[in-house]
Amino acid sequence: MKDLIAKAKNQAQQAELYQITVTETPVRYENNKLKSVDASSRQINALRIVKDGKLGFATSTGDNLHPLLDMAMTNAQYGRDWDLPLPGPAPLPQVELTHPSTELDLDTQVEMGDKLVRQVRECHPDLLASARVSTRQTTTRLLNSQGFAGEYSKRTFTILGSIELTEGKNFLSLYSGYMSGKLEDQLDKTIADLVKKFEHGRNNVPVKSGKYTVIFSPSGLGDIVNPLLACANGLAVEKGFSPWKDKLGEKLFSEQVSLYDDATIPFAPVSCLFDGEGIPAQSTAIIDKGVVNSFILNMVTAKALGLESTGNGFRGSNGELSAPDNSNVVLDIAETQPLEEMLSSVEQGIIIHSLMGAWAGNPYGGQVNGNIDLGFLIEDGRIKGRIKDCMVSVNVFEAFNNQILGASTEKEWAWNMLAPHLMLRDIAINAKG
């Protein structure tokens, strides 16, 4: 990598080489049986150069870096204008990324998958169970002509379980899982979550259209939080899509609400030492006690807006040029109570674990409309059964401003988001039929 950068400096004003090596070992169970035990490895190289004010870019796979420079130089003839200096050396945060607990051999992964399938199948003899247990080792390197040289390795553990059951005309499909850099009790929690959802989900109960108290579980909050993240994305702000473009420093939400992007959480799914451009990882308060505090920016969008990069210039799986994107997302609600107490306080309401089709709306308008993929009716503080053929409609901006009833003290990871159960009032539910 150093040789390539040195050679590039003789032909261009700036050069940057990004390299990511990924080794993954997934174990898959499908329909109660072990389907595959795999291992794969790949290396992506991406070279960015600036020559005569034009950007050149090229990618390759494998160990051969030599063709990259010629390709990037050729592309620079037709590249876009570029006048940003690449970042130089900077202190990097000390972030715990990998824990010894995630160093699993394939036999252990097979045993974990078998345990999940075997235990959830005890719920019903006709149940079909599937599982994926995998480890992913990633090494990221970045070197540029301005003197930045960074490298970090991390290993993540992923478990995903799903179950299906068809009884007459009723089809029940459930899933649960976690991704983390530290293995603790995720396997047992996944099994327990699937069993509990199965027990609640076999009994279908009717529900009428109307406005309800609704609890969104952490897994159900993704579609509700996404409009906030979309509005904070620097590219949307730069292009004028985001309604927050001129709202920095304004209070738009309840003082209870804070939303963070934090790439420095120990062992979290998307933690790192630096982003895809060499900007050190950091924690950024997007919303601070109801106030729009920061956008999520890479170098290009930061310059366009006259701001500083927040270290969120992340690259795709093929090493593409960076774009602003989130790392770990943390939702904080100031007033909390234990989940069991929150559930017991609901006379009639609904708990939603997942939506379907909500992504198709306009996130910048804050309106989320989607089918309830998995939701349960709550009466007198107890879950009565599964609701079907229902839609939910939420204006996220209004919900986070005026409709918060509370949140659970407990937080859970739902992939890259750490969040509580969130209880909202007067949420519209449309029941078909």
Protein backbone atom coordinates (compact mmCIF):
# COMPACT_ATOMS: atom_id res chain seq x y z
CA MET A 1 0.00 0.00 0.00
CA LYS A 2 2.84 2.39 0.81
CA ASP A 3 4.52 1.68 -2.51
CA LEU A 4 1.32 2.40 -4.41
CA ILE A 5 0.75 5.69 -2.57
CA ALA A 6 4.36 6.72 -3.19
CA LYS A 7 3.99 5.94 -6.89
CA ALA A 8 0.67 7.80 -7.04
CA LYS A 9 2.22 10.91 -5.46
CA ASN A 10 4.58 11.15 -8.42
CA GLN A 11 1.64 11.41 -10.81
CA ALA A 12 -1.11 13.13 -8.83
CA GLN A 13 -1.51 15.82 -6.20
CA GLN A 14 -3.33 13.58 -3.73
CA ALA A 15 -3.86 9.86 -3.32
CA GLU A 16 -5.73 7.60 -0.93
CA LEU A 17 -5.88 3.80 -0.72
CA TYR A 18 -8.68 2.12 1.21
CA GLN A 19 -8.59 -1.62 1.83
CA ILE A 20 -11.01 -3.91 3.60
CA THR A 21 -10.55 -7.64 4.15
CA VAL A 22 -13.53 -9.71 5.30
CA THR A 23 -13.67 -13.33 6.42
CA GLU A 24 -17.08 -14.75 7.26
CA THR A 25 -18.11 -18.17 8.58
CA PRO A 26 -21.89 -18.61 8.49
CA VAL A 27 -23.72 -21.70 9.73
CA ARG A 28 -27.28 -22.01 8.40
CA TYR A 29 -30.22 -24.13 9.50
CA GLU A 30 -33.36 -24.20 7.37
CA ASN A 31 -36.63 -25.97 8.13
CA ASN A 32 -35.24 -27.71 11.21
CA LYS A 33 -32.13 -29.08 9.47
CA LEU A 34 -28.53 -28.03 9.07
CA LYS A 35 -28.26 -26.66 5.54
CA SER A 36 -24.71 -25.34 5.18
CA VAL A 37 -21.44 -24.58 6.92
CA ASP A 38 -19.47 -22.08 4.88
CA ALA A 39 -16.41 -19.89 4.97
CA SER A 40 -15.61 -17.06 2.63
CA SER A 41 -12.98 -14.37 2.36
CA ARG A 42 -12.60 -11.33 0.15
CA GLN A 43 -10.46 -8.25 -0.13
CA ILE A 44 -11.58 -4.94 -1.65
CA ASN A 45 -9.12 -2.21 -2.65
CA ALA A 46 -10.20 1.32 -3.56
CA LEU A 47 -7.84 4.04 -4.81
CA ARG A 48 -8.84 7.70 -4.94
CA ILE A 49 -6.54 10.25 -6.57
CA VAL A 50 -6.76 13.93 -7.37
CA LYS A 51 -4.95 15.09 -10.50
CA ASP A 52 -5.22 18.62 -11.87
CA GLY A 53 -8.28 19.25 -9.72
CA LYS A 54 -10.12 16.17 -11.01
CA LEU A 55 -11.12 13.08 -9.04
CA GLY A 56 -10.08 9.64 -10.22
CA PHE A 57 -11.32 6.46 -8.60
CA ALA A 58 -10.83 2.73 -9.14
CA THR A 59 -11.49 -0.50 -7.24
CA SER A 60 -10.17 -4.03 -7.42
CA THR A 61 -10.35 -7.33 -5.53
CA GLY A 62 -7.57 -9.57 -4.31
CA ASP A 63 -3.91 -8.78 -3.64
CA ASN A 64 -2.94 -7.23 -6.96
CA LEU A 65 -2.88 -3.46 -6.48
CA HIS A 66 -0.89 -2.56 -9.60
CA PRO A 67 -3.78 -1.94 -12.05
CA LEU A 68 -5.46 0.50 -9.68
CA LEU A 69 -3.29 3.52 -10.40
CA ASP A 70 -3.61 3.30 -14.19
CA MET A 71 -7.38 2.92 -13.91
CA ALA A 72 -7.71 5.83 -11.49
CA MET A 73 -5.52 8.07 -13.64
CA THR A 74 -7.62 7.26 -16.69
CA ASN A 75 -10.84 7.99 -14.82
CA ALA A 76 -9.49 11.30 -13.56
CA GLN A 77 -9.63 12.68 -17.11
CA TYR A 78 -13.40 12.53 -16.87
CA GLY A 79 -13.80 12.90 -13.11
CA ARG A 80 -15.62 15.58 -11.19
CA ASP A 81 -13.92 18.67 -9.84
CA TRP A 82 -12.28 18.11 -6.47
CA ASP A 83 -10.68 20.72 -4.23
CA LEU A 84 -10.86 19.04 -0.83
CA PRO A 85 -7.62 18.18 0.97
CA LEU A 86 -7.50 14.63 2.28
CA PRO A 87 -7.18 14.40 6.07
CA GLY A 88 -3.74 14.18 7.62
CA PRO A 89 -2.67 12.33 10.78
CA ALA A 90 -5.01 12.70 13.75
CA PRO A 91 -5.39 11.06 17.17
CA LEU A 92 -7.79 8.12 16.94
CA PRO A 93 -10.13 7.11 19.76
CA GLN A 94 -9.49 4.04 21.87
CA VAL A 95 -12.49 1.83 21.14
CA GLU A 96 -12.92 -1.81 22.18
CA LEU A 97 -14.02 -3.52 18.97
CA THR A 98 -13.44 -7.25 19.48
CA HIS A 99 -13.96 -9.52 22.46
CA PRO A 100 -12.40 -13.00 22.84
CA SER A 101 -15.89 -14.45 23.33
CA THR A 102 -16.65 -14.08 19.60
CA GLU A 103 -13.74 -16.30 18.56
CA LEU A 104 -15.90 -19.35 17.87
CA ASP A 105 -15.04 -22.49 15.99
CA LEU A 106 -17.50 -23.99 13.52
CA ASP A 107 -18.46 -26.85 15.85
CA THR A 108 -19.57 -24.32 18.47
CA GLN A 109 -21.58 -22.39 15.89
CA VAL A 110 -23.27 -25.60 14.75
CA GLU A 111 -24.12 -26.46 18.37
CA MET A 112 -25.60 -22.98 18.90
CA GLY A 113 -27.76 -23.24 15.80
CA ASP A 114 -28.86 -26.72 16.82
CA LYS A 115 -29.80 -25.50 20.30
CA LEU A 116 -31.94 -22.70 18.88
CA VAL A 117 -33.77 -24.97 16.45
CA ARG A 118 -34.25 -27.74 18.99
CA GLN A 119 -35.58 -25.53 21.79
CA VAL A 120 -38.01 -23.44 19.73
CA ARG A 121 -39.39 -26.62 18.11
CA GLU A 122 -40.57 -27.72 21.55
CA CYS A 123 -43.32 -25.12 21.13
CA HIS A 124 -45.13 -27.14 18.45
CA PRO A 125 -44.38 -30.39 16.54
CA ASP A 126 -45.23 -28.84 13.14
CA LEU A 127 -43.14 -25.72 13.60
CA LEU A 128 -40.39 -24.99 11.05
CA ALA A 129 -37.33 -23.35 12.53
CA SER A 130 -34.35 -21.71 10.83
CA ALA A 131 -31.17 -20.18 12.22
CA ARG A 132 -28.05 -18.38 11.12
CA VAL A 133 -24.99 -18.24 13.36
CA SER A 134 -21.98 -16.45 11.94
CA THR A 135 -18.78 -14.66 12.79
CA ARG A 136 -17.31 -11.94 10.64
CA GLN A 137 -13.69 -10.79 10.89
CA THR A 138 -12.97 -7.44 9.24
CA THR A 139 -9.70 -5.58 8.85
CA THR A 140 -9.81 -2.02 7.53
CA ARG A 141 -6.77 -0.05 6.35
CA LEU A 142 -6.52 3.50 5.05
CA LEU A 143 -3.40 5.24 3.81
CA ASN A 144 -3.12 8.58 2.04
CA SER A 145 -0.55 10.99 0.67
CA GLN A 146 -1.21 13.52 3.45
CA GLY A 147 0.27 11.21 6.07
CA PHE A 148 -2.80 9.47 7.41
CA ALA A 149 -2.18 5.79 8.14
CA GLY A 150 -4.83 3.86 10.05
CA GLU A 151 -5.77 0.24 10.60
CA TYR A 152 -8.20 -1.62 12.82
CA SER A 153 -9.67 -5.11 13.06
CA LYS A 154 -12.99 -6.17 14.51
CA ARG A 155 -14.99 -9.34 14.82
CA THR A 156 -18.76 -9.48 15.09
CA PHE A 157 -21.07 -12.30 16.07
CA THR A 158 -24.53 -12.57 14.50
CA ILE A 159 -27.40 -14.83 15.45
CA LEU A 160 -30.73 -14.82 13.67
CA GLY A 161 -33.58 -17.20 14.38
CA SER A 162 -36.93 -17.55 12.66
CA ILE A 163 -39.94 -19.82 12.98
CA GLU A 164 -42.96 -20.52 10.80
CA LEU A 165 -46.20 -22.35 11.50
CA THR A 166 -49.24 -22.87 9.30
CA GLU A 167 -52.45 -23.86 11.07
CA GLY A 168 -55.41 -23.94 8.72
CA LYS A 169 -55.66 -20.46 7.20
CA ASN A 170 -53.41 -18.93 9.81
CA PHE A 171 -49.73 -18.40 8.95
CA LEU A 172 -47.37 -17.27 11.68
CA SER A 173 -43.86 -16.09 10.81
CA LEU A 174 -41.51 -14.74 13.50
CA TYR A 175 -37.87 -13.75 13.72
CA SER A 176 -35.41 -12.45 16.29
CA GLY A 177 -31.68 -11.87 16.45
CA TYR A 178 -28.66 -9.82 17.48
CA MET A 179 -25.33 -8.61 16.13
CA SER A 180 -22.50 -7.67 18.48
CA GLY A 181 -18.77 -7.62 19.02
CA LYS A 182 -19.19 -9.42 22.34
CA LEU A 183 -20.95 -12.73 22.96
CA GLU A 184 -23.03 -12.75 26.12
CA ASP A 185 -26.54 -14.18 26.38
CA GLN A 186 -27.74 -13.41 22.85
CA LEU A 187 -28.50 -17.05 22.04
CA ASP A 188 -30.73 -17.55 25.07
CA LYS A 189 -32.38 -14.16 24.56
CA THR A 190 -33.14 -14.99 20.93
CA ILE A 191 -34.71 -18.32 21.90
CA ALA A 192 -36.74 -16.74 24.70
CA ASP A 193 -37.95 -13.93 22.44
CA LEU A 194 -39.07 -16.36 19.74
CA VAL A 195 -40.88 -18.58 22.25
CA LYS A 196 -42.67 -15.64 23.85
CA LYS A 197 -43.73 -14.20 20.49
CA PHE A 198 -44.94 -17.65 19.42
CA GLU A 199 -47.03 -18.11 22.55
CA HIS A 200 -48.65 -14.70 22.07
CA GLY A 201 -48.96 -15.04 18.30
CA ARG A 202 -50.96 -18.26 17.97
CA ASN A 203 -54.10 -16.60 19.28
CA ASN A 204 -55.51 -14.11 16.76
CA VAL A 205 -57.76 -11.43 18.23
CA PRO A 206 -59.99 -8.85 16.54
CA VAL A 207 -59.29 -5.13 16.74
CA LYS A 208 -61.29 -2.13 15.60
CA SER A 209 -60.01 0.92 13.75
CA GLY A 210 -59.28 3.87 16.00
CA LYS A 211 -56.60 5.65 17.98
CA TYR A 212 -54.64 3.59 20.47
CA THR A 213 -51.84 3.73 22.95
CA VAL A 214 -49.05 2.00 21.01
CA ILE A 215 -45.78 0.59 22.31
CA PHE A 216 -43.06 0.18 19.72
CA SER A 217 -40.45 -2.39 20.71
CA PRO A 218 -36.81 -1.67 19.78
CA SER A 219 -37.16 -3.92 16.72
CA GLY A 220 -40.32 -2.04 15.74
CA LEU A 221 -38.79 1.41 16.19
CA GLY A 222 -36.56 1.28 13.12
CA ASP A 223 -39.22 2.59 10.74
CA ILE A 224 -40.23 5.25 13.28
CA VAL A 225 -36.70 6.59 13.80
CA ASN A 226 -35.70 6.39 10.12
CA PRO A 227 -37.35 9.71 9.13
CA LEU A 228 -35.28 11.48 11.79
CA LEU A 229 -32.10 9.89 10.45
CA ALA A 230 -33.09 10.71 6.87
CA CYS A 231 -33.64 14.37 7.73
CA ALA A 232 -30.27 14.53 9.51
CA ASN A 233 -28.36 12.97 6.60
CA GLY A 234 -25.96 15.51 5.14
CA LEU A 235 -26.70 14.58 1.55
CA ALA A 236 -30.42 15.23 2.03
CA VAL A 237 -29.60 18.54 3.71
CA GLU A 238 -27.19 19.54 0.93
CA LYS A 239 -29.71 18.68 -1.81
CA GLY A 240 -32.51 20.53 -0.04
CA PHE A 241 -34.67 17.44 0.58
CA SER A 242 -34.45 17.72 4.36
CA PRO A 243 -36.83 20.06 6.18
CA TRP A 244 -34.10 20.55 8.76
CA LYS A 245 -31.75 22.43 6.41
CA ASP A 246 -32.12 25.72 8.30
CA LYS A 247 -33.16 24.23 11.63
CA LEU A 248 -29.85 23.67 13.43
CA GLY A 249 -30.23 24.87 16.99
CA GLU A 250 -34.03 24.85 16.89
CA LYS A 251 -36.19 22.89 19.30
CA LEU A 252 -38.44 20.68 17.15
CA PHE A 253 -39.16 17.85 19.58
CA SER A 254 -39.95 17.11 23.19
CA GLU A 255 -37.19 17.79 25.69
CA GLN A 256 -37.38 14.09 26.56
CA VAL A 257 -35.87 13.12 23.18
CA SER A 258 -32.17 12.78 22.42
CA LEU A 259 -30.79 10.87 19.44
CA TYR A 260 -27.13 10.04 18.95
CA ASP A 261 -24.85 8.57 16.34
CA ASP A 262 -21.96 6.96 18.19
CA ALA A 263 -19.18 4.95 16.55
CA THR A 264 -17.24 4.67 19.83
CA ILE A 265 -19.50 2.31 21.83
CA PRO A 266 -17.49 -0.74 22.96
CA PHE A 267 -18.27 -3.89 20.96
CA ALA A 268 -21.24 -2.27 19.19
CA PRO A 269 -22.13 -3.46 15.65
CA VAL A 270 -20.83 -0.45 13.68
CA SER A 271 -18.14 0.91 16.00
CA CYS A 272 -14.80 1.80 14.39
CA LEU A 273 -11.69 3.95 14.83
CA PHE A 274 -12.14 6.07 11.72
CA ASP A 275 -14.57 6.38 8.85
CA GLY A 276 -13.97 5.59 5.18
CA GLU A 277 -12.12 8.87 4.67
CA GLY A 278 -9.83 8.84 7.70
CA ILE A 279 -11.86 11.09 9.98
CA PRO A 280 -11.68 9.83 13.59
CA ALA A 281 -14.76 8.09 14.97
CA GLN A 282 -16.85 10.12 17.38
CA SER A 283 -20.19 10.47 19.13
CA THR A 284 -22.57 13.01 17.60
CA ALA A 285 -25.77 14.28 19.18
CA ILE A 286 -28.24 14.57 16.29
CA ILE A 287 -31.04 15.69 18.62
CA ASP A 288 -30.14 16.96 22.07
CA LYS A 289 -33.11 17.31 24.45
CA GLY A 290 -35.41 18.08 21.56
CA VAL A 291 -33.04 20.46 19.75
CA VAL A 292 -31.67 19.66 16.27
CA ASN A 293 -28.00 19.70 17.17
CA SER A 294 -26.06 18.21 14.23
CA PHE A 295 -26.29 16.66 10.79
CA ILE A 296 -24.53 13.43 9.79
CA LEU A 297 -21.73 14.47 7.44
CA ASN A 298 -18.89 13.19 5.32
CA MET A 299 -16.22 15.50 3.92
CA VAL A 300 -18.11 16.51 0.76
CA THR A 301 -21.43 17.33 2.44
CA ALA A 302 -19.64 19.07 5.32
CA LYS A 303 -17.85 21.43 2.95
CA ALA A 304 -21.03 22.12 0.98
CA LEU A 305 -22.76 23.15 4.21
CA GLY A 306 -19.82 25.04 5.70
CA LEU A 307 -19.47 22.56 8.54
CA GLU A 308 -17.02 19.92 9.75
CA SER A 309 -17.27 16.21 8.97
CA THR A 310 -18.80 14.18 11.79
CA GLY A 311 -16.79 11.09 10.83
CA ASN A 312 -19.73 9.49 9.03
CA GLY A 313 -18.20 9.05 5.58
CA PHE A 314 -18.84 5.34 5.22
CA ARG A 315 -18.31 3.15 2.18
CA GLY A 316 -20.38 0.35 0.71
CA SER A 317 -19.41 -3.30 0.67
CA ASN A 318 -17.46 -2.81 -2.58
CA GLY A 319 -15.38 0.11 -1.36
CA GLU A 320 -17.41 2.80 -3.14
CA LEU A 321 -16.70 6.48 -2.55
CA SER A 322 -17.96 7.50 0.85
CA ALA A 323 -21.43 8.86 1.54
CA PRO A 324 -22.87 10.13 4.82
CA ASP A 325 -24.38 7.27 6.78
CA ASN A 326 -25.05 6.29 10.37
CA SER A 327 -22.91 4.13 12.60
CA ASN A 328 -24.54 3.04 15.89
CA VAL A 329 -27.80 4.88 16.62
CA VAL A 330 -28.85 5.48 20.23
CA LEU A 331 -32.32 6.73 21.20
CA ASP A 332 -32.64 8.24 24.68
CA ILE A 333 -35.97 9.12 26.29
CA ALA A 334 -35.67 11.00 29.58
CA GLU A 335 -38.67 9.61 31.47
CA THR A 336 -38.55 5.81 31.84
CA GLN A 337 -40.08 2.98 33.82
CA PRO A 338 -39.57 -0.81 33.86
CA LEU A 339 -41.12 -2.48 30.83
CA GLU A 340 -43.46 -4.65 32.90
CA GLU A 341 -44.81 -1.57 34.67
CA MET A 342 -45.30 0.20 31.37
CA LEU A 343 -47.21 -2.76 29.91
CA SER A 344 -49.37 -3.12 33.02
CA SER A 345 -50.40 0.55 32.77
CA VAL A 346 -52.07 0.05 29.36
CA GLU A 347 -55.82 -0.52 29.56
CA GLN A 348 -56.17 -1.01 25.81
CA GLY A 349 -53.34 -0.68 23.34
CA ILE A 350 -51.08 -2.39 20.87
CA ILE A 351 -47.43 -3.43 20.94
CA ILE A 352 -45.71 -3.44 17.55
CA HIS A 353 -42.58 -5.48 16.87
CA SER A 354 -42.27 -5.01 13.11
CA LEU A 355 -43.85 -3.18 10.19
CA MET A 356 -44.00 -4.05 6.53
CA GLY A 357 -43.91 -1.56 3.66
CA ALA A 358 -43.33 1.53 5.82
CA TRP A 359 -40.07 2.34 3.97
CA ALA A 360 -42.06 3.22 0.83
CA GLY A 361 -43.29 6.57 2.22
CA ASN A 362 -41.71 10.02 2.18
CA PRO A 363 -39.30 10.14 5.14
CA TYR A 364 -38.77 13.90 4.85
CA GLY A 365 -42.44 14.51 5.55
CA GLY A 366 -42.22 12.43 8.72
CA GLN A 367 -45.23 10.33 7.82
CA VAL A 368 -44.93 6.58 8.39
CA ASN A 369 -47.71 4.32 7.12
CA GLY A 370 -47.22 0.59 7.13
CA ASN A 371 -48.80 -2.79 7.63
CA ILE A 372 -48.31 -4.25 11.08
CA ASP A 373 -46.24 -7.32 10.36
CA LEU A 374 -46.18 -8.44 13.98
CA GLY A 375 -48.28 -6.77 16.63
CA PHE A 376 -50.25 -7.78 19.72
CA LEU A 377 -53.34 -6.39 21.43
CA ILE A 378 -52.94 -5.31 25.05
CA GLU A 379 -55.95 -5.26 27.39
CA ASP A 380 -55.83 -4.50 31.10
CA GLY A 381 -52.06 -4.66 31.09
CA ARG A 382 -51.80 -8.10 29.48
CA ILE A 383 -51.10 -9.26 25.93
CA LYS A 384 -54.26 -10.90 24.60
CA GLY A 385 -53.12 -12.09 21.17
CA ARG A 386 -51.94 -11.24 17.69
CA ILE A 387 -53.65 -8.66 15.49
CA LYS A 388 -53.79 -9.18 11.72
CA ASP A 389 -54.65 -7.14 8.63
CA CYS A 390 -53.96 -3.81 10.31
CA MET A 391 -52.11 -0.66 9.33
CA VAL A 392 -50.52 1.97 11.53
CA SER A 393 -50.13 5.64 10.68
CA VAL A 394 -47.68 7.84 12.57
CA ASN A 395 -46.43 11.36 11.96
CA VAL A 396 -42.99 10.95 13.47
CA PHE A 397 -42.41 14.68 13.96
CA GLU A 398 -45.64 15.02 15.91
CA ALA A 399 -45.08 11.77 17.81
CA PHE A 400 -41.66 12.77 19.12
CA ASN A 401 -42.97 16.20 20.06
CA ASN A 402 -46.38 15.70 21.65
CA GLN A 403 -47.30 12.01 21.87
CA ILE A 404 -44.70 10.40 24.13
CA LEU A 405 -46.20 8.68 27.15
CA GLY A 406 -43.00 7.03 28.31
CA ALA A 407 -40.25 4.57 27.58
CA SER A 408 -38.84 1.45 29.17
CA THR A 409 -35.84 1.64 31.45
CA GLU A 410 -34.43 -1.41 29.64
CA LYS A 411 -32.78 -0.86 26.28
CA GLU A 412 -32.07 -3.45 23.62
CA TRP A 413 -30.01 -3.59 20.46
CA ALA A 414 -32.01 -3.94 17.27
CA TRP A 415 -29.07 -4.45 14.89
CA ASN A 416 -27.27 -1.07 14.88
CA MET A 417 -29.81 0.81 17.07
CA LEU A 418 -29.89 0.81 20.86
CA ALA A 419 -33.36 1.84 22.01
CA PRO A 420 -36.03 1.36 24.66
CA HIS A 421 -39.63 0.33 24.16
CA LEU A 422 -41.37 3.61 23.31
CA MET A 423 -45.01 4.29 24.28
CA LEU A 424 -46.99 6.82 22.23
CA ARG A 425 -50.57 8.04 22.62
CA ASP A 426 -53.30 8.49 20.01
CA ILE A 427 -51.72 6.45 17.22
CA ALA A 428 -54.06 5.69 14.32
CA ILE A 429 -54.73 2.01 13.64
CA ASN A 430 -56.74 1.03 10.57
CA ALA A 431 -58.17 -2.50 10.75
CA LYS A 432 -59.41 -4.09 7.55
CA GLY A 433 -62.83 -5.67 7.47
